[in-house]
Amino acid sequence: MYKSIIIILFVTLTTSVCLAQEVENSLSKNQQKWLDTQWPITDTLQFNLPNEGQLIFYYNDEELPTDSLQAALTPLIKRATRFPEFEKEAYRLANNFSATSLQNVKRKIDRKYGRHVESIELGIPVGLDFTRGNFTPEVGFRAHLGLPGYSIGAAITNTVYFPQKVEGEIDVMSNWFINGEFSWNKGSNIVNNEQTIQIGYLLNSHPSELFKGTTLRAIYRHRISNHLYIQAGVVATDGLNTYYPVVGVRFW
C-alpha cells in the first residue's frame, strides 16, 4: 500500500517568467516564440512529492485558471507513485499545441509514473461468422492482461464447419485456431477492448472446403455495445495461396 501523496502548491503571479527548469515537452523555436507572444507564462504550479521529487508546470492563468488546473492535476499527482525520488521535471502547458496541451501532458505523466491496477480478463467468446458462403459458429477461451490504455492476450477458438450432407448424414468439422490478440481504447487508461486485432493460426490439419494446409486468419473487431462486437477480416489458406474474406459477430 502506497502512502498518500502530500502536495504543496506554489503559485507565482508574474508577467514574465524565465524557465528555471528545462521543460520535458519543448516546442520548436517558431512555435515557442509564437506561444511566448500570444500566451506568455504568468504562473508556476509546483507539486512537492513525499520522496522529494518535484513536478513543475508553467502556464498562462488566463488560458488555464489556477483553480481548475490544480483540480485537474491533483488526482494525477496522487497516482504518480513511480516518480523517482529527488528528481525534478517541468512541463509547459498551453492548449494551442499537441505537445503542451493539458490532456497530452497528463496522459504522458500518467503512463510514465502512474500506478495502475493490472488485471487479467478471462472470457468465453461465442459468435457466428459468414465464411466463404458458409455460416460457421465459433466458441473459445480468451485470456487478456490489461494495462493502461491497452491489453494483450491469447485465445484458442473452435470454428465449426458443417460440410454438405453425404448420404443424409450431417458432418461436423472442428477447426481449432490459436490466436494472439491486441486490444486498445484510444485516449483512455481503462481498457474495455473497444478495438481488437486478432491473428490466428490453424492448429489441426483436416482438409475441408474452408481450410486446408497452412492457414492464417487476421481479424479486426469493434465493440458496438457492452457485450456485442462486429468483426471483419481475411483468411489465407491452402499454404497461404488462397484468400477470402470473413465477417461475423461476437458476444462477450
Protein backbone atom coordinates (compact mmCIF):
# COMPACT_ATOMS: atom_id res chain seq x y z
CA MET A 1 0.00 0.00 0.00
CA TYR A 2 1.44 3.35 -1.02
CA LYS A 3 1.28 6.21 1.43
CA SER A 4 -0.78 9.20 0.43
CA ILE A 5 0.88 11.87 -1.65
CA ILE A 6 1.23 15.15 0.21
CA ILE A 7 1.03 18.06 -2.19
CA ILE A 8 2.38 21.55 -1.67
CA LEU A 9 1.37 24.14 -4.23
CA PHE A 10 3.31 27.23 -5.16
CA VAL A 11 1.73 29.79 -7.47
CA THR A 12 3.86 32.63 -8.77
CA LEU A 13 1.99 35.51 -10.40
CA THR A 14 4.30 37.33 -12.79
CA THR A 15 4.10 39.00 -16.17
CA SER A 16 7.26 37.28 -17.35
CA VAL A 17 8.84 34.10 -16.07
CA CYS A 18 12.18 32.60 -17.01
CA LEU A 19 12.11 28.82 -17.07
CA ALA A 20 14.38 27.79 -14.23
CA GLN A 21 13.86 24.14 -15.15
CA GLU A 22 14.12 22.84 -18.71
CA VAL A 23 10.75 21.51 -19.78
CA GLU A 24 10.13 17.93 -20.89
CA ASN A 25 7.84 18.96 -23.74
CA SER A 26 9.77 21.68 -25.52
CA LEU A 27 8.49 23.15 -28.79
CA SER A 28 10.25 24.27 -31.95
CA LYS A 29 11.74 27.77 -31.88
CA ASN A 30 8.96 29.22 -34.05
CA GLN A 31 6.21 27.61 -32.00
CA GLN A 32 7.85 28.69 -28.76
CA LYS A 33 8.21 32.27 -30.00
CA TRP A 34 4.55 32.41 -31.01
CA LEU A 35 3.43 30.92 -27.71
CA ASP A 36 5.54 33.31 -25.65
CA THR A 37 4.00 36.21 -27.55
CA GLN A 38 0.36 35.10 -27.54
CA TRP A 39 0.21 33.26 -24.21
CA PRO A 40 3.23 34.24 -22.11
CA ILE A 41 3.88 32.39 -18.88
CA THR A 42 2.25 34.12 -15.92
CA ASP A 43 2.14 31.37 -13.32
CA THR A 44 4.07 28.42 -11.93
CA LEU A 45 2.42 25.48 -10.20
CA GLN A 46 4.75 23.20 -8.24
CA PHE A 47 3.94 19.86 -6.64
CA ASN A 48 6.32 18.58 -3.96
CA LEU A 49 6.12 14.81 -3.51
CA PRO A 50 6.93 12.91 -0.28
CA ASN A 51 10.04 11.38 -1.87
CA GLU A 52 11.38 14.90 -2.50
CA GLY A 53 10.56 14.71 -6.18
CA GLN A 54 9.06 17.78 -7.84
CA LEU A 55 6.68 18.33 -10.75
CA ILE A 56 6.53 21.90 -12.04
CA PHE A 57 4.07 23.39 -14.52
CA TYR A 58 4.41 26.72 -16.36
CA TYR A 59 1.24 28.22 -17.82
CA ASN A 60 -0.85 31.30 -18.53
CA ASP A 61 -3.58 31.87 -15.97
CA GLU A 62 -5.97 33.42 -18.48
CA GLU A 63 -5.90 30.28 -20.60
CA LEU A 64 -5.69 27.80 -17.72
CA PRO A 65 -7.07 29.26 -14.48
CA THR A 66 -5.07 28.14 -11.47
CA ASP A 67 -8.01 26.68 -9.53
CA SER A 68 -9.21 24.49 -12.40
CA LEU A 69 -5.65 23.46 -13.26
CA GLN A 70 -4.95 22.46 -9.67
CA ALA A 71 -8.17 20.43 -9.59
CA ALA A 72 -7.22 18.66 -12.84
CA LEU A 73 -3.65 17.85 -11.80
CA THR A 74 -4.02 16.91 -8.13
CA PRO A 75 -5.56 13.43 -8.71
CA LEU A 76 -2.87 12.73 -11.31
CA ILE A 77 -0.05 13.64 -8.92
CA LYS A 78 -1.54 11.41 -6.23
CA ARG A 79 -1.30 8.48 -8.65
CA ALA A 80 2.28 9.29 -9.68
CA THR A 81 3.79 6.93 -7.10
CA ARG A 82 6.50 5.76 -9.51
CA PHE A 83 8.03 9.22 -9.84
CA PRO A 84 11.75 8.91 -8.94
CA GLU A 85 12.92 10.38 -5.65
CA PHE A 86 14.91 13.61 -5.65
CA GLU A 87 14.12 14.14 -9.35
CA LYS A 88 12.56 17.25 -10.83
CA GLU A 89 10.52 17.59 -14.03
CA ALA A 90 8.88 20.64 -15.58
CA TYR A 91 6.22 20.98 -18.27
CA ARG A 92 4.87 23.87 -20.31
CA LEU A 93 1.07 23.91 -20.50
CA ALA A 94 -0.78 25.51 -23.41
CA ASN A 95 -3.61 24.01 -25.41
CA ASN A 96 -2.51 25.54 -28.73
CA PHE A 97 -0.05 22.72 -29.43
CA SER A 98 -0.35 18.97 -29.01
CA ALA A 99 2.90 18.61 -27.06
CA THR A 100 1.86 21.19 -24.48
CA SER A 101 -1.88 20.50 -24.24
CA LEU A 102 -3.12 19.70 -20.76
CA GLN A 103 -4.63 16.37 -21.76
CA ASN A 104 -1.50 15.12 -23.52
CA VAL A 105 0.78 16.21 -20.67
CA LYS A 106 -1.48 14.46 -18.16
CA ARG A 107 -1.51 11.31 -20.28
CA LYS A 108 2.28 11.33 -20.59
CA ILE A 109 2.83 11.70 -16.84
CA ASP A 110 0.20 9.11 -16.02
CA ARG A 111 1.74 6.49 -18.31
CA LYS A 112 5.25 7.16 -17.04
CA TYR A 113 4.60 7.42 -13.32
CA GLY A 114 1.01 6.41 -12.56
CA ARG A 115 0.30 3.28 -10.58
CA HIS A 116 -2.45 1.26 -12.21
CA VAL A 117 -4.04 -1.97 -11.18
CA GLU A 118 -3.21 -4.52 -13.84
CA SER A 119 -5.98 -7.01 -14.49
CA ILE A 120 -6.35 -10.44 -16.02
CA GLU A 121 -9.50 -10.85 -18.07
CA LEU A 122 -10.87 -14.30 -18.81
CA GLY A 123 -13.69 -14.87 -21.25
CA ILE A 124 -15.56 -17.38 -23.37
CA PRO A 125 -16.26 -15.67 -26.70
CA VAL A 126 -19.17 -17.05 -28.69
CA GLY A 127 -20.11 -15.92 -32.17
CA LEU A 128 -21.15 -16.61 -35.73
CA ASP A 129 -19.16 -15.92 -38.90
CA PHE A 130 -20.01 -15.93 -42.58
CA THR A 131 -17.03 -17.66 -44.15
CA ARG A 132 -16.82 -18.29 -47.89
CA GLY A 133 -20.58 -18.67 -48.23
CA ASN A 134 -20.99 -20.76 -45.07
CA PHE A 135 -22.21 -19.89 -41.59
CA THR A 136 -19.58 -21.04 -39.11
CA PRO A 137 -20.29 -20.86 -35.36
CA GLU A 138 -17.31 -20.24 -33.12
CA VAL A 139 -16.62 -20.72 -29.41
CA GLY A 140 -13.41 -20.43 -27.47
CA PHE A 141 -11.48 -19.31 -24.42
CA ARG A 142 -9.65 -15.99 -24.09
CA ALA A 143 -7.21 -14.53 -21.54
CA HIS A 144 -6.02 -10.90 -21.56
CA LEU A 145 -3.62 -8.89 -19.44
CA GLY A 146 -4.99 -5.37 -19.01
CA LEU A 147 -2.54 -2.45 -18.98
CA PRO A 148 -3.16 1.31 -19.10
CA GLY A 149 -4.77 2.05 -22.45
CA TYR A 150 -4.39 -1.40 -23.98
CA SER A 151 -4.39 -5.13 -23.32
CA ILE A 152 -2.62 -8.12 -24.82
CA GLY A 153 -3.68 -11.73 -24.74
CA ALA A 154 -4.29 -15.03 -26.42
CA ALA A 155 -7.29 -17.13 -27.33
CA ILE A 156 -7.97 -20.63 -28.51
CA THR A 157 -11.09 -20.89 -30.65
CA ASN A 158 -13.01 -23.57 -32.50
CA THR A 159 -14.59 -22.61 -35.81
CA VAL A 160 -17.24 -25.22 -36.56
CA TYR A 161 -17.94 -26.07 -40.20
CA PHE A 162 -20.84 -28.20 -41.44
CA PRO A 163 -19.95 -29.70 -44.85
CA GLN A 164 -22.66 -30.67 -47.28
CA LYS A 165 -24.61 -33.75 -46.26
CA VAL A 166 -23.31 -37.05 -47.54
CA GLU A 167 -25.87 -39.86 -47.70
CA GLY A 168 -28.13 -37.92 -45.34
CA GLU A 169 -25.57 -37.70 -42.57
CA ILE A 170 -24.53 -34.41 -41.00
CA ASP A 171 -20.79 -33.99 -40.69
CA VAL A 172 -19.32 -31.63 -38.09
CA MET A 173 -15.78 -30.42 -38.61
CA SER A 174 -13.88 -28.59 -35.85
CA ASN A 175 -11.15 -26.14 -36.81
CA TRP A 176 -9.01 -25.07 -33.86
CA PHE A 177 -7.13 -21.78 -34.05
CA ILE A 178 -4.54 -20.39 -31.65
CA ASN A 179 -4.78 -16.59 -31.65
CA GLY A 180 -2.76 -13.62 -30.48
CA GLU A 181 -4.79 -10.51 -29.64
CA PHE A 182 -4.11 -6.82 -29.04
CA SER A 183 -6.88 -4.51 -27.80
CA TRP A 184 -6.88 -0.79 -27.20
CA ASN A 185 -9.14 2.05 -26.19
CA LYS A 186 -7.72 5.30 -27.56
CA GLY A 187 -7.39 8.16 -25.09
CA SER A 188 -8.36 6.11 -22.05
CA ASN A 189 -6.42 4.43 -19.28
CA ILE A 190 -9.23 1.92 -18.83
CA VAL A 191 -9.35 -0.83 -21.43
CA ASN A 192 -12.72 -2.27 -22.44
CA ASN A 193 -11.49 -3.93 -25.66
CA GLU A 194 -13.05 -1.17 -27.74
CA GLN A 195 -10.97 -2.30 -30.71
CA THR A 196 -9.10 -5.57 -31.19
CA ILE A 197 -6.69 -7.02 -33.73
CA GLN A 198 -6.53 -10.83 -33.77
CA ILE A 199 -4.07 -13.02 -35.68
CA GLY A 200 -4.84 -16.76 -35.71
CA TYR A 201 -3.07 -19.93 -36.84
CA LEU A 202 -4.93 -23.15 -37.68
CA LEU A 203 -3.76 -26.00 -35.44
CA ASN A 204 -5.48 -29.04 -36.92
CA SER A 205 -4.81 -30.21 -40.46
CA HIS A 206 -8.05 -31.91 -41.53
CA PRO A 207 -8.62 -30.58 -45.08
CA SER A 208 -12.01 -29.11 -45.94
CA GLU A 209 -13.53 -26.66 -48.39
CA LEU A 210 -12.76 -23.83 -45.97
CA PHE A 211 -9.37 -24.65 -44.50
CA LYS A 212 -6.53 -26.84 -45.68
CA GLY A 213 -2.81 -26.78 -45.23
CA THR A 214 -1.13 -23.83 -43.57
CA THR A 215 -3.86 -21.34 -42.64
CA LEU A 216 -3.70 -17.89 -41.08
CA ARG A 217 -6.57 -15.58 -40.18
CA ALA A 218 -6.43 -11.83 -39.47
CA ILE A 219 -9.42 -10.15 -37.83
CA TYR A 220 -10.35 -6.60 -36.80
CA ARG A 221 -13.07 -6.46 -34.11
CA HIS A 222 -15.03 -3.42 -32.92
CA ARG A 223 -17.32 -3.12 -29.91
CA ILE A 224 -20.79 -1.75 -30.64
CA SER A 225 -22.39 -2.39 -27.23
CA ASN A 226 -21.46 -3.80 -23.84
CA HIS A 227 -21.39 -7.43 -24.97
CA LEU A 228 -21.66 -7.29 -28.75
CA TYR A 229 -18.87 -6.94 -31.31
CA ILE A 230 -18.73 -6.92 -35.09
CA GLN A 231 -15.67 -8.14 -36.92
CA ALA A 232 -14.21 -8.49 -40.38
CA GLY A 233 -11.04 -10.00 -41.71
CA VAL A 234 -9.32 -12.24 -44.18
CA VAL A 235 -8.35 -15.93 -44.24
CA ALA A 236 -5.24 -17.18 -46.03
CA THR A 237 -5.36 -20.96 -46.51
CA ASP A 238 -4.07 -23.76 -48.77
CA GLY A 239 -0.48 -22.96 -47.92
CA LEU A 240 -1.34 -19.22 -47.91
CA ASN A 241 -2.18 -19.41 -51.62
CA THR A 242 -5.95 -18.88 -51.30
CA TYR A 243 -7.55 -15.80 -49.73
CA TYR A 244 -11.14 -14.95 -48.88
CA PRO A 245 -12.97 -12.54 -46.53
CA VAL A 246 -14.81 -13.36 -43.33
CA VAL A 247 -17.34 -11.28 -41.38
CA GLY A 248 -19.17 -12.02 -38.17
CA VAL A 249 -20.42 -11.10 -34.72
CA ARG A 250 -19.10 -11.94 -31.26
CA PHE A 251 -20.63 -11.94 -27.82
CA TRP A 252 -18.51 -11.28 -24.74
